């Protein structure tokens, strides 16, 4: 493309990504089972919650995801994200980036990524992968602007030469080539889905702590499940007739988020322990037994909200053991193999919490208060009854 043609391309009026229809809608049609991509999307929604500069997210429109950034001066940045969650068990290479499916021009990952540069917003690019990259691509894993990925550094010069050799003359509709793509592409190495889920949970915990609204681990799970439903629904929707469902603005999301928090606050896990007292009274448990149960539950809430008390992995493991034990006892009672009245069944539940605590390694410390508080929190959420109601 000549200098005059490049100038003309830059002067054209380009449509915004919010107005231009996607060139294809294969994503929404063929995305069944894209749990990994959805979990990556949840992470970016959390980023939007914490960062006011991320003002909008597209789901399965012009790319797997499009992140719209506003840094205060026009134009906005459109970051086109490709998520690769099912690649082979090997390192990503330059050859992988440039291979063309069925030898078709424009079908490589590189060409598809660069081709997104055709809108009013300034284009940036991100590739999210399960596997790491070979040394030739390592510079792209550093943040944009990092000195280790300066265009003049040896690694970037070699990478540009390699790309130019493999993809000669490839330009975006706005006239940008390999140099522009290398300047603006971030290679985002992630891990498997369970790791991404864990990181999202920790990130949400940190966000809520910073906002002065610490949450229990179970509450974090409930909120993350809502986000997963949100991103899946947005990805499944079609641009026509549901364009508004595919683009989530920060303003709309914050309104929805406030509603979720209000629902959580006003639900069964109210900090007063009112429902717990009701359940225990129904089981003929009164006085100091109920008061101590409420106190243990409140202590548990404080423990679960304080990262310094125990590591998230330990808390989740203990919570899992309590849930499993409570389910076993409830199932046996429903089947008639445990035939106890309210006070006796409550005592059995308390004994089982002590048994779990006694089975822990000595260096783990005494976790009996945490275990019993967790059990009472489950009762407060109407998932455990000490009386026979509902059997």
Foldseek 3Di string as FASTA:
>chain_A
DDPVVLVVLQPDAFAALLPDFAPDQVQLVPVPPVLQLLLVVLLVVLVVVQDVQFFKKFDRTNANIWTWGDPPDDDIETEHEHEDEDDDPDAAEVCQQQDADVPDPQRGNVSSQQQSPGGRHHYAYEYEYQHHHPPLCVLLQDDQPDPSQPCPDPSNVVSLVVCCVRPPPRHYSSGDDDVSHSNRYHYHHDHHRVRSNVVSLVSVQVSCVVVVHHFFSVLSVVVSVVSSVLSSQLSNDHCVPPVVSRMDTSVNVVVVVVVSVVCVCPALQPLQLVLLLVLLVVLVHDDPVSVVLSVLLNVLGVLRSDCVNDHPVVLVVLLVVLVVVQVVLVVCVVVVVDDDGLVVQVVVSLVVLVVVQVPDDVVVDGCSSNSSSSNSSCVSNVNHGSHDPPD
